[in-house]
Amino acid sequence: MTEVWLGRHLASFDGRVLEVWGPTKANGRLHIAAIRDVVIEPAKRDELCIDFQTIWGAGNLLLKFPAAQRATAEQFALVVRQARPPQAAPAGK
């Protein structure tokens, strides 16, 4: 189990399910098979965001956090990326 505080959110990953808790609408759960990528990008001044992108292109979890936490976020993103299955996304209708 890996848990980190990113800004005001607690992100937890058990190798199968990513869970996020916090005071904003960015709370949620994603199964590892639904995570296409994890991207860290600039937000506003002195902030970054971590974007847990889904295979559906919608329903992403996006968390803002202080830029000073970049190393923590990068390590967490690496743990999630390494757990992703090598399979392709399911075919559409």
N, C-alpha and C. Protein backbone atom coordinates (compact mmCIF):
# COMPACT_ATOMS: atom_id res chain seq x y z
N MET A 1 0.86 -1.18 0.00
CA MET A 1 0.00 0.00 0.00
C MET A 1 0.90 1.23 0.00
N THR A 2 0.60 2.15 -0.90
CA THR A 2 1.32 3.42 -0.97
C THR A 2 0.32 4.53 -0.73
N GLU A 3 0.63 5.42 0.20
CA GLU A 3 -0.24 6.57 0.48
C GLU A 3 0.61 7.83 0.52
N VAL A 4 0.08 8.90 -0.08
CA VAL A 4 0.76 10.20 -0.05
C VAL A 4 -0.26 11.32 0.10
N TRP A 5 0.16 12.36 0.77
CA TRP A 5 -0.61 13.60 0.78
C TRP A 5 -0.10 14.45 -0.36
N LEU A 6 -1.00 14.88 -1.23
CA LEU A 6 -0.69 15.81 -2.31
C LEU A 6 -1.58 17.01 -2.12
N GLY A 7 -1.00 18.08 -1.61
CA GLY A 7 -1.82 19.23 -1.25
C GLY A 7 -2.77 18.84 -0.15
N ARG A 8 -4.06 19.05 -0.37
CA ARG A 8 -5.07 18.74 0.63
C ARG A 8 -5.74 17.39 0.39
N HIS A 9 -5.17 16.59 -0.50
CA HIS A 9 -5.74 15.28 -0.84
C HIS A 9 -4.84 14.15 -0.39
N LEU A 10 -5.46 13.07 0.04
CA LEU A 10 -4.76 11.84 0.37
C LEU A 10 -5.00 10.87 -0.78
N ALA A 11 -3.92 10.43 -1.40
CA ALA A 11 -4.01 9.46 -2.49
C ALA A 11 -3.45 8.13 -1.99
N SER A 12 -4.17 7.08 -2.28
CA SER A 12 -3.80 5.74 -1.82
C SER A 12 -3.84 4.78 -3.00
N PHE A 13 -2.85 3.88 -3.07
CA PHE A 13 -2.83 2.89 -4.14
C PHE A 13 -2.37 1.56 -3.56
N ASP A 14 -3.18 0.53 -3.73
CA ASP A 14 -2.87 -0.78 -3.17
C ASP A 14 -2.36 -1.77 -4.22
N GLY A 15 -2.04 -1.26 -5.41
CA GLY A 15 -1.58 -2.11 -6.50
C GLY A 15 -2.70 -2.49 -7.45
N ARG A 16 -3.92 -2.23 -7.04
CA ARG A 16 -5.09 -2.57 -7.84
C ARG A 16 -6.07 -1.40 -7.98
N VAL A 17 -6.29 -0.65 -6.88
CA VAL A 17 -7.26 0.44 -6.88
C VAL A 17 -6.60 1.72 -6.37
N LEU A 18 -6.76 2.79 -7.15
CA LEU A 18 -6.32 4.12 -6.75
C LEU A 18 -7.51 4.80 -6.09
N GLU A 19 -7.31 5.34 -4.90
CA GLU A 19 -8.37 6.06 -4.19
C GLU A 19 -7.85 7.43 -3.80
N VAL A 20 -8.72 8.43 -3.90
CA VAL A 20 -8.36 9.80 -3.55
C VAL A 20 -9.44 10.38 -2.66
N TRP A 21 -9.01 10.96 -1.54
CA TRP A 21 -9.92 11.63 -0.61
C TRP A 21 -9.46 13.06 -0.43
N GLY A 22 -10.41 13.97 -0.27
CA GLY A 22 -10.07 15.36 -0.01
C GLY A 22 -11.30 16.24 0.02
N PRO A 23 -11.07 17.54 0.21
CA PRO A 23 -12.18 18.47 0.39
C PRO A 23 -12.81 18.97 -0.91
N THR A 24 -12.31 18.52 -2.07
CA THR A 24 -12.86 19.01 -3.34
C THR A 24 -13.53 17.88 -4.10
N LYS A 25 -14.02 18.19 -5.28
CA LYS A 25 -14.70 17.20 -6.12
C LYS A 25 -13.74 16.19 -6.74
N ALA A 26 -12.45 16.34 -6.50
CA ALA A 26 -11.46 15.45 -7.09
C ALA A 26 -11.32 14.15 -6.31
N ASN A 27 -12.35 13.74 -5.63
CA ASN A 27 -12.33 12.47 -4.90
C ASN A 27 -12.77 11.37 -5.84
N GLY A 28 -12.27 10.16 -5.61
CA GLY A 28 -12.75 9.06 -6.44
C GLY A 28 -11.90 7.83 -6.33
N ARG A 29 -12.29 6.83 -7.13
CA ARG A 29 -11.60 5.55 -7.19
C ARG A 29 -11.45 5.15 -8.64
N LEU A 30 -10.31 4.57 -8.97
CA LEU A 30 -10.08 4.04 -10.31
C LEU A 30 -9.38 2.69 -10.18
N HIS A 31 -9.84 1.70 -10.92
CA HIS A 31 -9.15 0.42 -11.00
C HIS A 31 -7.93 0.61 -11.90
N ILE A 32 -6.86 -0.08 -11.62
CA ILE A 32 -5.62 0.08 -12.39
C ILE A 32 -5.82 -0.20 -13.88
N ALA A 33 -6.71 -1.10 -14.23
CA ALA A 33 -6.96 -1.41 -15.64
C ALA A 33 -7.61 -0.24 -16.38
N ALA A 34 -8.18 0.71 -15.64
CA ALA A 34 -8.83 1.87 -16.26
C ALA A 34 -7.89 3.07 -16.37
N ILE A 35 -6.68 2.96 -15.82
CA ILE A 35 -5.74 4.08 -15.86
C ILE A 35 -4.84 3.93 -17.08
N ARG A 36 -4.96 4.88 -18.01
CA ARG A 36 -4.15 4.88 -19.23
C ARG A 36 -2.77 5.46 -18.98
N ASP A 37 -2.71 6.56 -18.19
CA ASP A 37 -1.43 7.20 -17.91
C ASP A 37 -1.58 8.09 -16.69
N VAL A 38 -0.44 8.49 -16.15
CA VAL A 38 -0.38 9.42 -15.04
C VAL A 38 0.56 10.53 -15.47
N VAL A 39 0.06 11.76 -15.52
CA VAL A 39 0.83 12.88 -16.04
C VAL A 39 0.90 13.98 -14.98
N ILE A 40 2.09 14.51 -14.80
CA ILE A 40 2.26 15.66 -13.90
C ILE A 40 2.56 16.87 -14.78
N GLU A 41 1.79 17.93 -14.57
CA GLU A 41 1.90 19.12 -15.42
C GLU A 41 1.69 20.38 -14.61
N PRO A 42 2.11 21.52 -15.16
CA PRO A 42 1.92 22.79 -14.44
C PRO A 42 0.44 23.12 -14.27
N ALA A 43 0.13 23.73 -13.15
CA ALA A 43 -1.22 24.26 -12.91
C ALA A 43 -1.07 25.78 -12.89
N LYS A 44 -1.36 26.39 -11.77
CA LYS A 44 -1.11 27.83 -11.68
C LYS A 44 0.19 28.06 -10.93
N ARG A 45 0.53 29.31 -10.71
CA ARG A 45 1.81 29.66 -10.09
C ARG A 45 2.06 28.85 -8.82
N ASP A 46 3.23 28.26 -8.72
CA ASP A 46 3.66 27.47 -7.57
C ASP A 46 2.81 26.23 -7.32
N GLU A 47 2.08 25.79 -8.34
CA GLU A 47 1.29 24.56 -8.21
C GLU A 47 1.51 23.67 -9.42
N LEU A 48 1.34 22.39 -9.19
CA LEU A 48 1.34 21.40 -10.26
C LEU A 48 0.06 20.60 -10.13
N CYS A 49 -0.21 19.77 -11.11
CA CYS A 49 -1.34 18.85 -10.96
C CYS A 49 -0.91 17.48 -11.44
N ILE A 50 -1.51 16.49 -10.85
CA ILE A 50 -1.30 15.11 -11.27
C ILE A 50 -2.62 14.65 -11.87
N ASP A 51 -2.54 14.18 -13.10
CA ASP A 51 -3.72 13.79 -13.86
C ASP A 51 -3.69 12.28 -14.05
N PHE A 52 -4.61 11.58 -13.40
CA PHE A 52 -4.76 10.14 -13.58
C PHE A 52 -5.73 9.97 -14.75
N GLN A 53 -5.18 9.74 -15.94
CA GLN A 53 -5.97 9.68 -17.16
C GLN A 53 -6.56 8.29 -17.35
N THR A 54 -7.83 8.25 -17.75
CA THR A 54 -8.52 6.98 -17.91
C THR A 54 -8.52 6.51 -19.37
N ILE A 55 -8.82 5.26 -19.57
CA ILE A 55 -8.90 4.69 -20.91
C ILE A 55 -10.10 5.23 -21.68
N TRP A 56 -11.05 5.84 -20.97
CA TRP A 56 -12.25 6.37 -21.61
C TRP A 56 -12.09 7.81 -22.04
N GLY A 57 -11.03 8.48 -21.61
CA GLY A 57 -10.83 9.88 -21.96
C GLY A 57 -11.68 10.82 -21.14
N ALA A 58 -12.47 10.29 -20.24
CA ALA A 58 -13.29 11.10 -19.33
C ALA A 58 -13.20 10.43 -17.96
N GLY A 59 -13.58 11.14 -16.94
CA GLY A 59 -13.54 10.56 -15.61
C GLY A 59 -12.16 10.59 -14.99
N ASN A 60 -11.26 11.40 -15.57
CA ASN A 60 -9.92 11.52 -15.01
C ASN A 60 -9.98 12.07 -13.60
N LEU A 61 -9.02 11.69 -12.77
CA LEU A 61 -8.84 12.30 -11.46
C LEU A 61 -7.70 13.30 -11.60
N LEU A 62 -7.95 14.55 -11.27
CA LEU A 62 -6.98 15.62 -11.42
C LEU A 62 -6.81 16.31 -10.08
N LEU A 63 -5.59 16.27 -9.53
CA LEU A 63 -5.32 16.86 -8.22
C LEU A 63 -4.28 17.95 -8.33
N LYS A 64 -4.54 19.10 -7.74
CA LYS A 64 -3.55 20.18 -7.67
C LYS A 64 -2.80 20.04 -6.36
N PHE A 65 -1.50 20.40 -6.41
CA PHE A 65 -0.67 20.31 -5.22
C PHE A 65 0.48 21.31 -5.34
N PRO A 66 1.10 21.69 -4.22
CA PRO A 66 2.22 22.62 -4.25
C PRO A 66 3.41 22.05 -5.04
N ALA A 67 4.06 22.91 -5.80
CA ALA A 67 5.20 22.48 -6.61
C ALA A 67 6.30 21.87 -5.75
N ALA A 68 6.38 22.23 -4.50
CA ALA A 68 7.39 21.68 -3.59
C ALA A 68 7.20 20.18 -3.38
N GLN A 69 6.05 19.64 -3.70
CA GLN A 69 5.77 18.21 -3.54
C GLN A 69 6.01 17.41 -4.81
N ARG A 70 6.67 18.00 -5.77
CA ARG A 70 6.87 17.34 -7.07
C ARG A 70 7.53 15.96 -6.93
N ALA A 71 8.58 15.85 -6.13
CA ALA A 71 9.28 14.57 -6.00
C ALA A 71 8.35 13.49 -5.44
N THR A 72 7.53 13.85 -4.47
CA THR A 72 6.57 12.90 -3.89
C THR A 72 5.57 12.46 -4.96
N ALA A 73 5.07 13.41 -5.73
CA ALA A 73 4.09 13.11 -6.78
C ALA A 73 4.71 12.24 -7.87
N GLU A 74 5.95 12.54 -8.25
CA GLU A 74 6.64 11.75 -9.29
C GLU A 74 6.81 10.30 -8.83
N GLN A 75 7.18 10.11 -7.58
CA GLN A 75 7.36 8.75 -7.06
C GLN A 75 6.03 8.00 -7.04
N PHE A 76 4.96 8.67 -6.61
CA PHE A 76 3.64 8.04 -6.58
C PHE A 76 3.19 7.68 -8.00
N ALA A 77 3.40 8.62 -8.93
CA ALA A 77 3.03 8.36 -10.33
C ALA A 77 3.77 7.16 -10.88
N LEU A 78 5.05 7.01 -10.53
CA LEU A 78 5.84 5.88 -10.99
C LEU A 78 5.28 4.56 -10.47
N VAL A 79 4.90 4.52 -9.21
CA VAL A 79 4.32 3.31 -8.62
C VAL A 79 3.05 2.91 -9.38
N VAL A 80 2.20 3.88 -9.68
CA VAL A 80 0.94 3.60 -10.40
C VAL A 80 1.24 3.16 -11.83
N ARG A 81 2.14 3.88 -12.52
CA ARG A 81 2.48 3.52 -13.91
C ARG A 81 3.01 2.09 -14.00
N GLN A 82 3.87 1.70 -13.07
CA GLN A 82 4.48 0.38 -13.11
C GLN A 82 3.47 -0.74 -12.87
N ALA A 83 2.36 -0.43 -12.23
CA ALA A 83 1.34 -1.45 -11.94
C ALA A 83 0.35 -1.64 -13.08
N ARG A 84 0.34 -0.74 -14.06
CA ARG A 84 -0.62 -0.85 -15.15
C ARG A 84 -0.41 -2.13 -15.95
N PRO A 85 -1.50 -2.80 -16.29
CA PRO A 85 -1.37 -4.01 -17.11
C PRO A 85 -0.98 -3.66 -18.54
N PRO A 86 -0.28 -4.55 -19.24
CA PRO A 86 0.15 -4.27 -20.60
C PRO A 86 -0.96 -4.40 -21.63
N GLN A 87 -2.14 -4.79 -21.23
CA GLN A 87 -3.24 -5.01 -22.19
C GLN A 87 -3.78 -3.70 -22.73
N ALA A 88 -4.36 -3.79 -23.92
CA ALA A 88 -4.98 -2.63 -24.55
C ALA A 88 -6.35 -2.38 -23.95
N ALA A 89 -6.84 -1.17 -24.16
CA ALA A 89 -8.19 -0.82 -23.69
C ALA A 89 -9.23 -1.67 -24.41
N PRO A 90 -10.37 -1.94 -23.75
CA PRO A 90 -11.42 -2.73 -24.40
C PRO A 90 -11.96 -2.03 -25.65
N ALA A 91 -12.35 -2.82 -26.63
CA ALA A 91 -12.89 -2.28 -27.88
C ALA A 91 -14.25 -1.63 -27.63
N GLY A 92 -14.54 -0.59 -28.42
CA GLY A 92 -15.82 0.10 -28.32
C GLY A 92 -16.93 -0.71 -28.96
N LYS A 93 -18.12 -0.11 -28.97
CA LYS A 93 -19.31 -0.79 -29.54
C LYS A 93 -19.19 -0.92 -31.03
